[in-house]
N, C-alpha and C. Protein backbone atom coordinates (compact mmCIF):
# COMPACT_ATOMS: atom_id res chain seq x y z
N UNK A 1 -150.72 137.00 0.82
CA UNK A 1 -150.12 138.27 0.99
C UNK A 1 -151.27 139.07 2.26
N UNK A 2 -150.42 139.60 3.78
CA UNK A 2 -151.21 140.64 4.08
C UNK A 2 -151.83 141.74 3.28
N UNK A 3 -152.95 142.30 4.06
CA UNK A 3 -153.32 143.75 3.51
C UNK A 3 -152.33 144.96 3.87
N UNK A 4 -152.04 146.08 3.57
CA UNK A 4 -151.87 146.68 3.87
C UNK A 4 -152.38 147.07 5.17
N UNK A 5 -153.80 146.83 5.45
CA UNK A 5 -154.55 147.22 6.52
C UNK A 5 -153.87 146.43 7.78
N UNK A 6 -153.91 144.90 7.47
CA UNK A 6 -153.04 144.41 8.95
C UNK A 6 -151.92 145.39 9.00
N UNK A 7 -151.19 145.47 8.59
CA UNK A 7 -150.05 146.41 8.83
C UNK A 7 -150.08 147.14 9.87
N UNK A 8 -150.94 148.44 8.89
CA UNK A 8 -151.46 149.42 10.02
C UNK A 8 -151.86 149.82 11.41
N UNK A 9 -153.01 148.27 11.41
CA UNK A 9 -153.68 147.95 12.41
C UNK A 9 -152.51 147.38 13.39
N UNK A 10 -151.10 146.74 12.84
CA UNK A 10 -150.44 146.23 13.80
C UNK A 10 -149.67 147.46 14.24
N UNK A 11 -149.07 148.06 13.41
CA UNK A 11 -148.64 149.27 14.49
C UNK A 11 -149.14 150.12 15.34
N UNK A 12 -150.50 150.08 15.44
CA UNK A 12 -151.32 150.68 16.16
C UNK A 12 -151.40 150.24 17.57
N UNK A 13 -152.11 148.86 17.07
CA UNK A 13 -152.08 148.02 18.35
C UNK A 13 -150.73 148.05 18.71
N UNK A 14 -149.41 148.22 18.37
CA UNK A 14 -148.41 147.82 19.24
C UNK A 14 -147.93 149.65 19.78
N UNK A 15 -148.54 150.65 19.01
CA UNK A 15 -148.21 152.04 19.84
C UNK A 15 -149.11 151.96 20.83
N UNK A 16 -150.42 151.31 20.91
CA UNK A 16 -151.28 151.61 22.18
C UNK A 16 -150.52 150.16 23.60
N UNK A 17 -150.05 149.20 22.98
CA UNK A 17 -149.34 148.28 23.96
C UNK A 17 -148.17 149.52 24.48
N UNK A 18 -147.41 149.94 23.67
CA UNK A 18 -146.41 150.99 24.33
C UNK A 18 -146.82 151.70 25.31
N UNK A 19 -148.11 152.91 24.94
CA UNK A 19 -148.54 153.90 25.39
C UNK A 19 -148.97 153.15 26.85
N UNK A 20 -149.93 152.01 26.39
CA UNK A 20 -150.15 151.50 28.41
C UNK A 20 -149.42 150.99 29.16
N UNK A 21 -148.11 150.64 28.57
CA UNK A 21 -147.31 150.39 29.58
C UNK A 21 -145.84 151.60 30.20
N UNK A 22 -146.26 152.66 29.86
CA UNK A 22 -145.63 153.64 29.78
C UNK A 22 -146.05 153.73 31.74
N UNK A 23 -145.38 153.38 32.83
CA UNK A 23 -145.86 153.76 34.18
C UNK A 23 -146.10 155.38 34.22
N UNK A 24 -147.15 155.53 35.06
CA UNK A 24 -147.74 157.20 35.84
C UNK A 24 -146.74 157.67 36.75
N UNK A 25 -146.19 157.38 37.49
CA UNK A 25 -145.34 158.07 38.26
C UNK A 25 -143.96 158.25 38.34
N UNK A 26 -143.06 156.74 37.64
CA UNK A 26 -141.59 157.08 37.49
C UNK A 26 -141.31 157.03 35.98
N UNK A 27 -139.92 157.17 35.51
CA UNK A 27 -139.33 157.05 34.03
C UNK A 27 -139.64 155.47 34.22
N UNK A 28 -139.02 155.14 32.51
CA UNK A 28 -138.94 153.98 32.00
C UNK A 28 -138.22 154.40 30.61
N UNK A 29 -137.20 153.10 30.31
CA UNK A 29 -136.23 153.26 29.39
C UNK A 29 -137.14 152.96 28.41
N UNK A 30 -136.65 153.04 26.68
CA UNK A 30 -137.20 152.57 25.31
C UNK A 30 -136.53 150.87 25.60
N UNK A 31 -135.52 150.95 26.35
CA UNK A 31 -135.13 149.34 26.49
C UNK A 31 -136.38 148.16 27.40
N UNK A 32 -136.10 149.18 28.20
CA UNK A 32 -137.58 148.45 29.20
C UNK A 32 -138.54 148.56 28.49
N UNK A 33 -139.17 149.27 27.48
CA UNK A 33 -140.28 149.30 26.81
C UNK A 33 -139.97 147.85 26.17
N UNK A 34 -139.24 147.95 25.39
CA UNK A 34 -138.78 146.98 23.95
C UNK A 34 -138.98 145.53 24.82
N UNK A 35 -138.40 145.23 26.16
CA UNK A 35 -138.59 144.32 26.21
C UNK A 35 -139.98 143.65 26.78
N UNK A 36 -140.88 144.72 27.15
CA UNK A 36 -141.98 144.43 27.81
C UNK A 36 -143.09 143.91 26.26
N UNK A 37 -142.82 144.31 25.33
CA UNK A 37 -143.62 144.59 24.27
C UNK A 37 -143.43 142.90 23.57
N UNK A 38 -141.88 143.00 23.49
CA UNK A 38 -141.21 141.57 23.04
C UNK A 38 -141.84 140.51 24.01
N UNK A 39 -142.12 140.42 25.48
CA UNK A 39 -142.82 139.70 26.32
C UNK A 39 -144.49 139.81 25.97
N UNK A 40 -144.51 140.52 25.25
CA UNK A 40 -146.47 140.51 24.72
C UNK A 40 -146.76 139.81 23.20
N UNK A 41 -145.31 139.14 23.12
CA UNK A 41 -145.41 138.94 21.61
C UNK A 41 -145.10 139.57 20.45
N UNK A 42 -144.89 140.83 20.78
CA UNK A 42 -144.15 141.93 19.50
C UNK A 42 -142.62 141.46 19.38
N UNK A 43 -142.98 141.12 17.74
CA UNK A 43 -141.53 141.01 17.21
C UNK A 43 -141.00 142.24 16.26
N UNK A 44 -140.24 143.03 16.82
CA UNK A 44 -140.09 144.18 16.63
C UNK A 44 -138.84 145.01 17.52
N UNK A 45 -137.73 145.79 16.57
CA UNK A 45 -136.26 145.88 16.81
C UNK A 45 -136.67 147.35 18.18
N UNK A 46 -135.67 147.41 18.78
CA UNK A 46 -135.59 148.62 20.07
C UNK A 46 -135.90 149.51 19.10
N UNK A 47 -135.19 150.19 18.06
CA UNK A 47 -135.43 151.43 16.88
C UNK A 47 -137.14 151.25 16.50
N UNK A 48 -137.44 150.55 16.62
CA UNK A 48 -138.95 150.41 15.93
C UNK A 48 -140.01 151.27 17.39
N UNK A 49 -139.20 150.56 18.76
CA UNK A 49 -139.78 151.22 19.69
C UNK A 49 -139.59 152.41 19.64
N UNK A 50 -138.08 152.64 19.87
CA UNK A 50 -137.88 154.74 19.69
C UNK A 50 -138.59 155.15 18.64
N UNK A 51 -138.92 154.72 17.87
CA UNK A 51 -139.56 155.44 16.83
C UNK A 51 -141.28 155.73 17.42
N UNK A 52 -142.09 154.83 17.53
CA UNK A 52 -142.99 154.92 18.03
C UNK A 52 -142.88 155.84 19.38
N UNK A 53 -142.25 155.96 20.15
CA UNK A 53 -142.02 156.64 21.40
C UNK A 53 -142.10 158.05 20.55
N UNK A 54 -140.95 158.39 19.95
CA UNK A 54 -141.13 160.22 19.38
C UNK A 54 -142.41 160.18 18.98
N UNK A 55 -143.05 158.88 18.20
CA UNK A 55 -144.40 159.65 17.81
C UNK A 55 -145.27 160.21 19.04
N UNK A 56 -145.33 159.10 20.02
CA UNK A 56 -146.28 159.20 20.92
C UNK A 56 -145.66 160.51 22.12
N UNK A 57 -144.70 160.90 22.37
CA UNK A 57 -144.52 161.93 22.57
C UNK A 57 -144.94 163.48 21.85
N UNK A 58 -144.57 163.04 20.88
CA UNK A 58 -145.09 164.55 20.40
C UNK A 58 -146.66 164.69 19.64
N UNK A 59 -147.23 163.83 20.73
CA UNK A 59 -148.83 163.93 20.46
C UNK A 59 -149.53 163.86 21.94
N UNK A 60 -148.43 162.77 22.85
CA UNK A 60 -149.72 163.42 24.25
C UNK A 60 -148.30 163.63 25.05
N UNK A 61 -149.01 163.72 26.64
CA UNK A 61 -148.47 164.89 27.52
C UNK A 61 -146.95 164.05 28.41
N UNK A 62 -146.60 163.69 27.73
CA UNK A 62 -145.35 162.55 28.29
C UNK A 62 -143.84 163.37 28.02
N UNK A 63 -143.36 163.46 29.31
CA UNK A 63 -141.87 163.69 29.47
C UNK A 63 -141.14 162.75 29.13
N UNK A 64 -139.97 163.58 28.74
CA UNK A 64 -138.97 162.45 28.47
C UNK A 64 -137.54 163.09 28.12
N UNK A 65 -136.92 162.18 28.72
CA UNK A 65 -135.41 162.73 28.52
C UNK A 65 -134.60 161.57 27.88
N UNK A 66 -134.18 162.75 26.73
CA UNK A 66 -132.92 161.96 25.78
C UNK A 66 -131.65 161.96 26.46
N UNK A 67 -131.15 160.97 26.35
CA UNK A 67 -129.62 160.77 26.60
C UNK A 67 -129.36 159.65 25.92
N UNK A 68 -128.26 158.76 26.10
CA UNK A 68 -127.67 157.65 26.16
C UNK A 68 -129.02 156.31 26.10
N UNK A 69 -130.01 156.74 27.42
CA UNK A 69 -130.92 156.11 28.04
C UNK A 69 -132.23 156.85 28.00
N UNK A 70 -133.11 156.18 26.66
CA UNK A 70 -134.27 157.47 26.83
C UNK A 70 -135.19 156.91 27.67
N UNK A 71 -136.03 157.98 28.51
CA UNK A 71 -136.50 157.75 29.07
C UNK A 71 -137.98 158.40 29.38
N UNK A 72 -139.13 157.85 29.79
CA UNK A 72 -140.33 158.78 29.58
C UNK A 72 -141.32 158.64 30.94
N UNK A 73 -142.26 159.43 30.89
CA UNK A 73 -143.33 159.06 32.12
C UNK A 73 -144.20 160.26 31.59
N UNK A 74 -145.61 160.02 31.78
CA UNK A 74 -146.35 161.55 31.68
C UNK A 74 -146.60 162.60 32.26
N UNK A 75 -146.64 163.33 31.51
CA UNK A 75 -146.43 164.56 32.53
C UNK A 75 -147.51 165.20 33.03
N UNK A 76 -146.93 165.72 34.06
CA UNK A 76 -148.54 166.32 35.08
C UNK A 76 -149.52 167.27 34.40
N UNK A 77 -149.90 167.11 34.89
CA UNK A 77 -151.41 168.05 34.56
C UNK A 77 -150.88 169.50 34.13
N UNK A 78 -151.39 169.67 33.47
CA UNK A 78 -150.72 171.06 32.53
C UNK A 78 -149.19 171.78 31.86
N UNK A 79 -148.96 170.51 31.85
CA UNK A 79 -147.31 170.38 31.52
C UNK A 79 -147.76 169.97 29.23
N UNK A 80 -146.95 171.22 28.97
CA UNK A 80 -147.08 170.68 27.45
C UNK A 80 -146.20 169.42 26.90
N UNK A 81 -146.84 168.88 25.81
CA UNK A 81 -146.05 168.08 25.52
C UNK A 81 -144.84 168.16 25.42
N UNK A 82 -143.85 166.99 25.27
CA UNK A 82 -142.23 167.31 25.07
C UNK A 82 -141.99 167.27 23.36
N UNK A 83 -141.32 168.29 23.55
CA UNK A 83 -140.70 168.55 21.82
C UNK A 83 -139.44 168.64 21.97
N UNK A 84 -138.69 167.88 20.68
CA UNK A 84 -137.56 167.84 20.38
C UNK A 84 -137.18 169.24 20.07
N UNK A 85 -136.08 169.84 19.72
CA UNK A 85 -135.25 170.58 19.30
C UNK A 85 -135.69 170.40 17.86
N UNK A 86 -136.27 171.17 17.04
CA UNK A 86 -136.32 171.21 15.79
C UNK A 86 -137.48 170.07 15.47
N UNK A 87 -138.28 169.44 15.80
CA UNK A 87 -138.90 168.43 15.95
C UNK A 87 -141.02 169.36 15.92
């Protein structure tokens, strides 16, 4: 039986992998990031990637546009992190 710590570590590593794959100068989509982490060996759903992106965007200076295709990139220096309405 896996320990609870391995699950937390797996989530932390997945979040780092997602953060590492967000391009610096252009936007990307959550679907594209999902494909990239799947190719890197992570077996997670698109929704899991989107939940982690929400957490990343609330803590790091990442600009995000939420429409039918979620897109994000690092914010220019001096811009505050994106906050969803009510979030």
